[in-house]
Amino acid sequence: MICVAEESERGHMQEQLATAARPVREMISEFRDLRTWALVGFSKDPTKYGNRIYHSLTGAGYKIYPVNPKGGTYEFDGAQIYPTLKDLPEAPDVVDIVVPPRITEGVIREAAELGLRRIWIQPGAASEDAVRYAQEEGIEVVYGGPCAMVHKRFWN
């Protein structure tokens, strides 16, 4: 099931995928109650969205598993950072993706292999191929505009 976020999002992707859409507010409402997330694209750099989203969600009481596909397992600021979803100690309820679109597709494939069925693709991380693949696999996806960090009004 695909969740098209806003009318202002990427028109071409929206036109092709809107028929499978579920209202974004419904999807976000469902996701907010799920407390264990993986954040793919975590960064040590406090100016990067992968870092800012991590701190925003942990600050709201969510259990976040930071994933950085660029490196191996390491610790940063008291948090264990993982290289892939497969390396996590437990399956997250939601996979939040904030990486370039070419990497997003592989992350969604890995999530599908692991049986993970809820993905939030941050602005700028989506591609038509990634979203289409998620749809084919029956994965619920928020994409194309809403940022988990921006939508704090939906949390708690």
N, C-alpha and C. Protein backbone atom coordinates (compact mmCIF):
# COMPACT_ATOMS: atom_id res chain seq x y z
N MET A 1 0.86 -1.18 0.00
CA MET A 1 0.00 0.00 0.00
C MET A 1 0.90 1.23 0.00
N ILE A 2 0.66 2.16 -0.88
CA ILE A 2 1.45 3.37 -0.99
C ILE A 2 0.65 4.53 -0.43
N CYS A 3 1.32 5.41 0.24
CA CYS A 3 0.70 6.59 0.82
C CYS A 3 1.26 7.81 0.13
N VAL A 4 0.49 8.45 -0.71
CA VAL A 4 0.92 9.66 -1.38
C VAL A 4 0.70 10.82 -0.43
N ALA A 5 1.70 11.61 -0.20
CA ALA A 5 1.70 12.59 0.87
C ALA A 5 0.90 13.86 0.58
N GLU A 6 1.20 14.57 -0.43
CA GLU A 6 0.63 15.88 -0.68
C GLU A 6 0.44 16.06 -2.18
N GLU A 7 -0.46 16.92 -2.58
CA GLU A 7 -0.64 17.20 -4.00
C GLU A 7 0.58 17.89 -4.58
N SER A 8 1.36 18.57 -3.77
CA SER A 8 2.51 19.33 -4.25
C SER A 8 3.74 18.45 -4.50
N GLU A 9 3.68 17.17 -4.19
CA GLU A 9 4.85 16.32 -4.35
C GLU A 9 5.12 15.99 -5.80
N ARG A 10 6.14 15.27 -6.05
CA ARG A 10 6.57 14.94 -7.40
C ARG A 10 5.40 14.43 -8.23
N GLY A 11 4.99 15.25 -9.19
CA GLY A 11 3.80 14.96 -9.98
C GLY A 11 3.81 13.64 -10.70
N HIS A 12 4.90 13.34 -11.38
CA HIS A 12 4.96 12.11 -12.17
C HIS A 12 4.76 10.87 -11.30
N MET A 13 5.47 10.81 -10.19
CA MET A 13 5.35 9.67 -9.29
C MET A 13 3.94 9.60 -8.72
N GLN A 14 3.39 10.73 -8.37
CA GLN A 14 2.04 10.78 -7.79
C GLN A 14 1.02 10.27 -8.80
N GLU A 15 1.11 10.74 -10.04
CA GLU A 15 0.15 10.32 -11.06
C GLU A 15 0.17 8.82 -11.25
N GLN A 16 1.33 8.22 -11.27
CA GLN A 16 1.45 6.80 -11.52
C GLN A 16 1.03 5.94 -10.34
N LEU A 17 1.22 6.44 -9.13
CA LEU A 17 1.03 5.60 -7.96
C LEU A 17 -0.18 5.98 -7.11
N ALA A 18 -0.85 7.07 -7.43
CA ALA A 18 -1.94 7.56 -6.60
C ALA A 18 -3.09 6.59 -6.46
N THR A 19 -3.29 5.73 -7.43
CA THR A 19 -4.42 4.80 -7.36
C THR A 19 -4.28 3.82 -6.20
N ALA A 20 -3.07 3.60 -5.70
CA ALA A 20 -2.86 2.69 -4.58
C ALA A 20 -2.75 3.45 -3.26
N ALA A 21 -2.99 4.75 -3.30
CA ALA A 21 -2.73 5.59 -2.14
C ALA A 21 -3.72 5.36 -1.00
N ARG A 22 -3.21 5.54 0.18
CA ARG A 22 -3.98 5.59 1.41
C ARG A 22 -3.68 6.96 2.00
N PRO A 23 -4.63 7.65 2.59
CA PRO A 23 -4.36 9.01 3.08
C PRO A 23 -3.15 9.06 4.01
N VAL A 24 -2.30 10.08 3.77
CA VAL A 24 -1.06 10.20 4.53
C VAL A 24 -1.34 10.35 6.03
N ARG A 25 -2.35 11.08 6.39
CA ARG A 25 -2.64 11.26 7.82
C ARG A 25 -3.01 9.93 8.48
N GLU A 26 -3.70 9.08 7.76
CA GLU A 26 -4.04 7.75 8.28
C GLU A 26 -2.78 6.92 8.49
N MET A 27 -1.89 6.97 7.50
CA MET A 27 -0.64 6.22 7.60
C MET A 27 0.22 6.76 8.74
N ILE A 28 0.37 8.08 8.82
CA ILE A 28 1.18 8.69 9.86
C ILE A 28 0.60 8.36 11.23
N SER A 29 -0.71 8.40 11.34
CA SER A 29 -1.36 8.09 12.61
C SER A 29 -1.03 6.66 13.05
N GLU A 30 -1.04 5.75 12.11
CA GLU A 30 -0.70 4.36 12.41
C GLU A 30 0.78 4.23 12.81
N PHE A 31 1.65 4.88 12.06
CA PHE A 31 3.08 4.79 12.33
C PHE A 31 3.45 5.38 13.69
N ARG A 32 2.77 6.43 14.11
CA ARG A 32 3.15 7.13 15.36
C ARG A 32 3.03 6.23 16.58
N ASP A 33 2.14 5.25 16.51
CA ASP A 33 1.96 4.35 17.65
C ASP A 33 3.01 3.25 17.70
N LEU A 34 3.79 3.13 16.67
CA LEU A 34 4.83 2.11 16.59
C LEU A 34 6.12 2.72 17.11
N ARG A 35 6.67 2.16 18.15
CA ARG A 35 7.73 2.83 18.91
C ARG A 35 9.16 2.42 18.57
N THR A 36 9.36 1.40 17.76
CA THR A 36 10.71 0.95 17.43
C THR A 36 10.97 1.19 15.95
N TRP A 37 11.93 2.07 15.68
CA TRP A 37 12.24 2.47 14.30
C TRP A 37 13.71 2.21 13.99
N ALA A 38 13.98 1.93 12.72
CA ALA A 38 15.34 1.95 12.21
C ALA A 38 15.47 3.23 11.39
N LEU A 39 16.55 3.94 11.56
CA LEU A 39 16.81 5.16 10.79
C LEU A 39 18.00 4.90 9.88
N VAL A 40 17.72 4.66 8.60
CA VAL A 40 18.78 4.37 7.63
C VAL A 40 19.25 5.69 7.02
N GLY A 41 20.51 5.99 7.27
CA GLY A 41 21.08 7.25 6.82
C GLY A 41 21.52 8.10 7.99
N PHE A 42 21.65 7.47 9.15
CA PHE A 42 22.15 8.19 10.32
C PHE A 42 23.51 8.80 9.99
N SER A 43 23.75 9.99 10.52
CA SER A 43 25.03 10.66 10.34
C SER A 43 25.53 11.20 11.67
N LYS A 44 26.85 11.18 11.85
CA LYS A 44 27.47 11.78 13.03
C LYS A 44 27.43 13.31 12.96
N ASP A 45 27.26 13.83 11.77
CA ASP A 45 27.26 15.28 11.54
C ASP A 45 25.93 15.88 12.01
N PRO A 46 25.95 16.75 13.02
CA PRO A 46 24.71 17.32 13.56
C PRO A 46 23.94 18.21 12.60
N THR A 47 24.55 18.60 11.47
CA THR A 47 23.83 19.41 10.49
C THR A 47 23.08 18.56 9.47
N LYS A 48 23.32 17.27 9.46
CA LYS A 48 22.66 16.36 8.50
C LYS A 48 21.32 15.90 9.04
N TYR A 49 20.39 15.68 8.12
CA TYR A 49 19.05 15.24 8.53
C TYR A 49 19.06 13.89 9.23
N GLY A 50 19.96 13.00 8.85
CA GLY A 50 20.04 11.71 9.52
C GLY A 50 20.34 11.84 11.00
N ASN A 51 21.05 12.85 11.39
CA ASN A 51 21.35 13.12 12.79
C ASN A 51 20.18 13.84 13.45
N ARG A 52 19.64 14.84 12.76
CA ARG A 52 18.55 15.63 13.32
C ARG A 52 17.29 14.79 13.54
N ILE A 53 16.98 13.93 12.60
CA ILE A 53 15.80 13.06 12.73
C ILE A 53 16.01 12.09 13.90
N TYR A 54 17.22 11.54 14.01
CA TYR A 54 17.54 10.64 15.12
C TYR A 54 17.25 11.31 16.46
N HIS A 55 17.77 12.51 16.64
CA HIS A 55 17.58 13.22 17.91
C HIS A 55 16.13 13.63 18.13
N SER A 56 15.43 13.99 17.08
CA SER A 56 14.02 14.37 17.18
C SER A 56 13.18 13.18 17.65
N LEU A 57 13.38 12.03 17.04
CA LEU A 57 12.57 10.86 17.39
C LEU A 57 12.96 10.27 18.74
N THR A 58 14.26 10.21 19.05
CA THR A 58 14.63 9.71 20.38
C THR A 58 14.13 10.67 21.45
N GLY A 59 14.15 11.96 21.17
CA GLY A 59 13.64 12.96 22.11
C GLY A 59 12.15 12.82 22.35
N ALA A 60 11.44 12.24 21.38
CA ALA A 60 10.00 12.01 21.52
C ALA A 60 9.71 10.65 22.16
N GLY A 61 10.77 9.94 22.57
CA GLY A 61 10.59 8.67 23.27
C GLY A 61 10.61 7.43 22.41
N TYR A 62 11.00 7.55 21.16
CA TYR A 62 11.06 6.40 20.28
C TYR A 62 12.38 5.65 20.45
N LYS A 63 12.33 4.34 20.30
CA LYS A 63 13.53 3.52 20.30
C LYS A 63 14.02 3.51 18.86
N ILE A 64 15.19 4.07 18.63
CA ILE A 64 15.72 4.21 17.27
C ILE A 64 17.00 3.40 17.13
N TYR A 65 17.04 2.60 16.06
CA TYR A 65 18.27 1.90 15.69
C TYR A 65 18.88 2.66 14.52
N PRO A 66 19.98 3.40 14.75
CA PRO A 66 20.61 4.13 13.66
C PRO A 66 21.37 3.17 12.74
N VAL A 67 21.18 3.37 11.44
CA VAL A 67 21.86 2.56 10.42
C VAL A 67 22.61 3.51 9.49
N ASN A 68 23.90 3.23 9.30
CA ASN A 68 24.69 4.01 8.36
C ASN A 68 25.30 3.04 7.36
N PRO A 69 24.74 2.99 6.14
CA PRO A 69 25.21 2.03 5.14
C PRO A 69 26.66 2.25 4.69
N LYS A 70 27.28 3.36 5.06
CA LYS A 70 28.64 3.66 4.63
C LYS A 70 29.72 2.94 5.45
N GLY A 71 29.36 2.47 6.64
CA GLY A 71 30.43 1.93 7.48
C GLY A 71 30.00 0.71 8.26
N GLY A 72 30.91 0.17 8.99
CA GLY A 72 30.65 -0.99 9.81
C GLY A 72 29.94 -0.60 11.10
N THR A 73 29.82 -1.58 11.99
CA THR A 73 29.19 -1.34 13.28
C THR A 73 30.14 -0.51 14.14
N TYR A 74 29.62 0.55 14.75
CA TYR A 74 30.41 1.38 15.64
C TYR A 74 29.49 2.06 16.64
N GLU A 75 30.07 2.73 17.59
CA GLU A 75 29.29 3.45 18.59
C GLU A 75 29.53 4.94 18.42
N PHE A 76 28.48 5.71 18.59
CA PHE A 76 28.59 7.16 18.52
C PHE A 76 27.66 7.78 19.54
N ASP A 77 28.20 8.60 20.41
CA ASP A 77 27.41 9.33 21.40
C ASP A 77 26.50 8.39 22.21
N GLY A 78 27.05 7.22 22.54
CA GLY A 78 26.31 6.25 23.34
C GLY A 78 25.36 5.34 22.58
N ALA A 79 25.25 5.54 21.27
CA ALA A 79 24.34 4.72 20.46
C ALA A 79 25.14 3.77 19.58
N GLN A 80 24.66 2.55 19.46
CA GLN A 80 25.25 1.57 18.56
C GLN A 80 24.76 1.87 17.15
N ILE A 81 25.67 2.02 16.19
CA ILE A 81 25.32 2.30 14.80
C ILE A 81 25.55 1.01 14.02
N TYR A 82 24.60 0.66 13.15
CA TYR A 82 24.65 -0.59 12.40
C TYR A 82 24.83 -0.31 10.91
N PRO A 83 25.46 -1.22 10.16
CA PRO A 83 25.66 -1.00 8.72
C PRO A 83 24.45 -1.38 7.86
N THR A 84 23.61 -2.29 8.34
CA THR A 84 22.46 -2.73 7.54
C THR A 84 21.29 -3.06 8.46
N LEU A 85 20.13 -3.20 7.88
CA LEU A 85 18.95 -3.62 8.65
C LEU A 85 19.13 -5.04 9.18
N LYS A 86 19.82 -5.88 8.42
CA LYS A 86 20.04 -7.26 8.84
C LYS A 86 20.84 -7.37 10.12
N ASP A 87 21.62 -6.35 10.43
CA ASP A 87 22.47 -6.37 11.62
C ASP A 87 21.77 -5.92 12.89
N LEU A 88 20.56 -5.44 12.80
CA LEU A 88 19.85 -4.94 13.98
C LEU A 88 19.53 -6.08 14.94
N PRO A 89 19.52 -5.80 16.24
CA PRO A 89 19.23 -6.85 17.22
C PRO A 89 17.76 -7.27 17.27
N GLU A 90 16.88 -6.46 16.70
CA GLU A 90 15.46 -6.81 16.61
C GLU A 90 14.87 -6.13 15.39
N ALA A 91 13.74 -6.63 14.94
CA ALA A 91 13.07 -6.05 13.78
C ALA A 91 12.36 -4.76 14.19
N PRO A 92 12.62 -3.66 13.47
CA PRO A 92 11.91 -2.42 13.79
C PRO A 92 10.48 -2.46 13.26
N ASP A 93 9.64 -1.64 13.87
CA ASP A 93 8.26 -1.50 13.39
C ASP A 93 8.21 -0.67 12.11
N VAL A 94 9.09 0.32 12.04
CA VAL A 94 9.13 1.25 10.90
C VAL A 94 10.58 1.44 10.49
N VAL A 95 10.82 1.51 9.19
CA VAL A 95 12.14 1.84 8.66
C VAL A 95 12.02 3.24 8.07
N ASP A 96 12.79 4.17 8.62
CA ASP A 96 12.83 5.56 8.15
C ASP A 96 14.08 5.71 7.31
N ILE A 97 13.92 6.18 6.06
CA ILE A 97 15.04 6.22 5.12
C ILE A 97 15.39 7.66 4.76
N VAL A 98 16.65 8.03 4.96
CA VAL A 98 17.14 9.35 4.60
C VAL A 98 18.51 9.22 3.93
N VAL A 99 18.50 8.56 2.77
CA VAL A 99 19.71 8.34 1.97
C VAL A 99 19.39 8.73 0.53
N PRO A 100 20.39 8.83 -0.34
CA PRO A 100 20.11 9.13 -1.75
C PRO A 100 19.20 8.07 -2.37
N PRO A 101 18.38 8.48 -3.35
CA PRO A 101 17.42 7.55 -3.96
C PRO A 101 18.05 6.25 -4.47
N ARG A 102 19.27 6.30 -5.00
CA ARG A 102 19.90 5.08 -5.54
C ARG A 102 20.16 4.06 -4.43
N ILE A 103 20.32 4.52 -3.19
CA ILE A 103 20.53 3.62 -2.06
C ILE A 103 19.19 3.16 -1.49
N THR A 104 18.18 4.01 -1.57
CA THR A 104 16.85 3.69 -1.03
C THR A 104 16.31 2.38 -1.59
N GLU A 105 16.46 2.18 -2.88
CA GLU A 105 15.93 0.97 -3.50
C GLU A 105 16.51 -0.29 -2.85
N GLY A 106 17.81 -0.31 -2.61
CA GLY A 106 18.44 -1.46 -1.95
C GLY A 106 17.95 -1.65 -0.53
N VAL A 107 17.73 -0.53 0.18
CA VAL A 107 17.22 -0.60 1.55
C VAL A 107 15.82 -1.21 1.55
N ILE A 108 14.99 -0.81 0.60
CA ILE A 108 13.64 -1.37 0.53
C ILE A 108 13.68 -2.85 0.19
N ARG A 109 14.58 -3.24 -0.68
CA ARG A 109 14.72 -4.67 -0.99
C ARG A 109 15.14 -5.46 0.25
N GLU A 110 16.08 -4.91 1.00
CA GLU A 110 16.52 -5.57 2.23
C GLU A 110 15.36 -5.65 3.23
N ALA A 111 14.61 -4.57 3.37
CA ALA A 111 13.45 -4.57 4.28
C ALA A 111 12.45 -5.64 3.86
N ALA A 112 12.19 -5.75 2.58
CA ALA A 112 11.25 -6.76 2.09
C ALA A 112 11.74 -8.17 2.41
N GLU A 113 13.04 -8.41 2.22
CA GLU A 113 13.62 -9.72 2.54
C GLU A 113 13.46 -10.06 4.01
N LEU A 114 13.50 -9.04 4.86
CA LEU A 114 13.38 -9.25 6.30
C LEU A 114 11.93 -9.26 6.78
N GLY A 115 11.00 -9.04 5.87
CA GLY A 115 9.59 -9.04 6.24
C GLY A 115 9.12 -7.74 6.88
N LEU A 116 9.88 -6.66 6.73
CA LEU A 116 9.50 -5.37 7.30
C LEU A 116 8.49 -4.72 6.36
N ARG A 117 7.38 -4.21 6.89
CA ARG A 117 6.27 -3.78 6.05
C ARG A 117 5.87 -2.33 6.19
N ARG A 118 6.65 -1.52 6.90
CA ARG A 118 6.32 -0.09 7.04
C ARG A 118 7.59 0.72 6.82
N ILE A 119 7.53 1.62 5.83
CA ILE A 119 8.70 2.43 5.50
C ILE A 119 8.28 3.88 5.35
N TRP A 120 9.11 4.76 5.89
CA TRP A 120 8.94 6.20 5.74
C TRP A 120 10.15 6.69 4.96
N ILE A 121 9.93 7.15 3.74
CA ILE A 121 11.02 7.67 2.92
C ILE A 121 11.03 9.18 3.05
N GLN A 122 12.12 9.71 3.57
CA GLN A 122 12.24 11.15 3.80
C GLN A 122 12.31 11.90 2.47
N PRO A 123 11.95 13.19 2.49
CA PRO A 123 12.02 13.99 1.27
C PRO A 123 13.40 13.90 0.62
N GLY A 124 13.41 13.71 -0.67
CA GLY A 124 14.64 13.62 -1.42
C GLY A 124 15.24 12.22 -1.50
N ALA A 125 14.69 11.27 -0.78
CA ALA A 125 15.24 9.91 -0.78
C ALA A 125 14.46 8.95 -1.67
N ALA A 126 13.30 9.37 -2.17
CA ALA A 126 12.44 8.47 -2.95
C ALA A 126 12.84 8.44 -4.42
N SER A 127 12.58 7.31 -5.04
CA SER A 127 12.67 7.17 -6.49
C SER A 127 11.44 6.39 -6.93
N GLU A 128 11.06 6.57 -8.18
CA GLU A 128 9.91 5.82 -8.68
C GLU A 128 10.13 4.33 -8.56
N ASP A 129 11.32 3.87 -8.88
CA ASP A 129 11.61 2.44 -8.80
C ASP A 129 11.48 1.91 -7.38
N ALA A 130 11.99 2.67 -6.41
CA ALA A 130 11.92 2.24 -5.02
C ALA A 130 10.47 2.17 -4.54
N VAL A 131 9.69 3.19 -4.86
CA VAL A 131 8.29 3.21 -4.44
C VAL A 131 7.50 2.11 -5.13
N ARG A 132 7.75 1.92 -6.41
CA ARG A 132 7.04 0.86 -7.16
C ARG A 132 7.37 -0.52 -6.59
N TYR A 133 8.65 -0.75 -6.28
CA TYR A 133 9.05 -2.03 -5.70
C TYR A 133 8.34 -2.25 -4.36
N ALA A 134 8.30 -1.22 -3.54
CA ALA A 134 7.61 -1.34 -2.25
C ALA A 134 6.15 -1.70 -2.47
N GLN A 135 5.52 -1.05 -3.43
CA GLN A 135 4.11 -1.34 -3.74
C GLN A 135 3.94 -2.80 -4.15
N GLU A 136 4.80 -3.27 -5.01
CA GLU A 136 4.73 -4.66 -5.47
C GLU A 136 4.91 -5.65 -4.33
N GLU A 137 5.69 -5.28 -3.32
CA GLU A 137 5.96 -6.15 -2.18
C GLU A 137 4.93 -6.00 -1.06
N GLY A 138 3.96 -5.11 -1.22
CA GLY A 138 2.94 -4.92 -0.19
C GLY A 138 3.42 -4.14 1.02
N ILE A 139 4.45 -3.34 0.84
CA ILE A 139 4.99 -2.53 1.92
C ILE A 139 4.24 -1.21 1.98
N GLU A 140 3.86 -0.78 3.17
CA GLU A 140 3.22 0.52 3.35
C GLU A 140 4.31 1.58 3.41
N VAL A 141 4.12 2.67 2.64
CA VAL A 141 5.16 3.67 2.51
C VAL A 141 4.59 5.08 2.60
N VAL A 142 5.21 5.89 3.45
CA VAL A 142 4.99 7.33 3.47
C VAL A 142 6.15 7.90 2.69
N TYR A 143 5.90 8.70 1.66
CA TYR A 143 6.98 9.25 0.84
C TYR A 143 6.54 10.54 0.17
N GLY A 144 7.51 11.24 -0.37
CA GLY A 144 7.24 12.35 -1.25
C GLY A 144 6.93 13.67 -0.59
N GLY A 145 7.25 13.85 0.64
CA GLY A 145 7.02 15.16 1.22
C GLY A 145 7.09 15.22 2.72
N PRO A 146 6.34 14.40 3.43
CA PRO A 146 6.35 14.56 4.90
C PRO A 146 7.65 14.03 5.50
N CYS A 147 8.18 14.80 6.43
CA CYS A 147 9.37 14.37 7.17
C CYS A 147 8.93 13.98 8.57
N ALA A 148 9.42 12.87 9.06
CA ALA A 148 9.06 12.42 10.41
C ALA A 148 9.36 13.49 11.44
N MET A 149 10.41 14.24 11.24
CA MET A 149 10.80 15.27 12.18
C MET A 149 9.85 16.47 12.12
N VAL A 150 9.38 16.82 10.94
CA VAL A 150 8.52 17.98 10.76
C VAL A 150 7.12 17.72 11.32
N HIS A 151 6.70 16.49 11.30
CA HIS A 151 5.34 16.15 11.71
C HIS A 151 5.24 15.79 13.19
N LYS A 152 5.93 16.55 14.03
CA LYS A 152 5.92 16.29 15.47
C LYS A 152 4.51 16.36 16.05
N ARG A 153 3.64 17.17 15.43
CA ARG A 153 2.28 17.28 15.97
C ARG A 153 1.55 15.94 15.97
N PHE A 154 2.02 14.98 15.18
CA PHE A 154 1.40 13.67 15.15
C PHE A 154 1.96 12.74 16.22
N TRP A 155 3.13 13.10 16.79
CA TRP A 155 3.76 12.26 17.81
C TRP A 155 3.23 12.66 19.16
N ASN A 156 3.01 11.67 20.00
CA ASN A 156 2.54 11.85 21.38
C ASN A 156 1.42 12.84 21.47
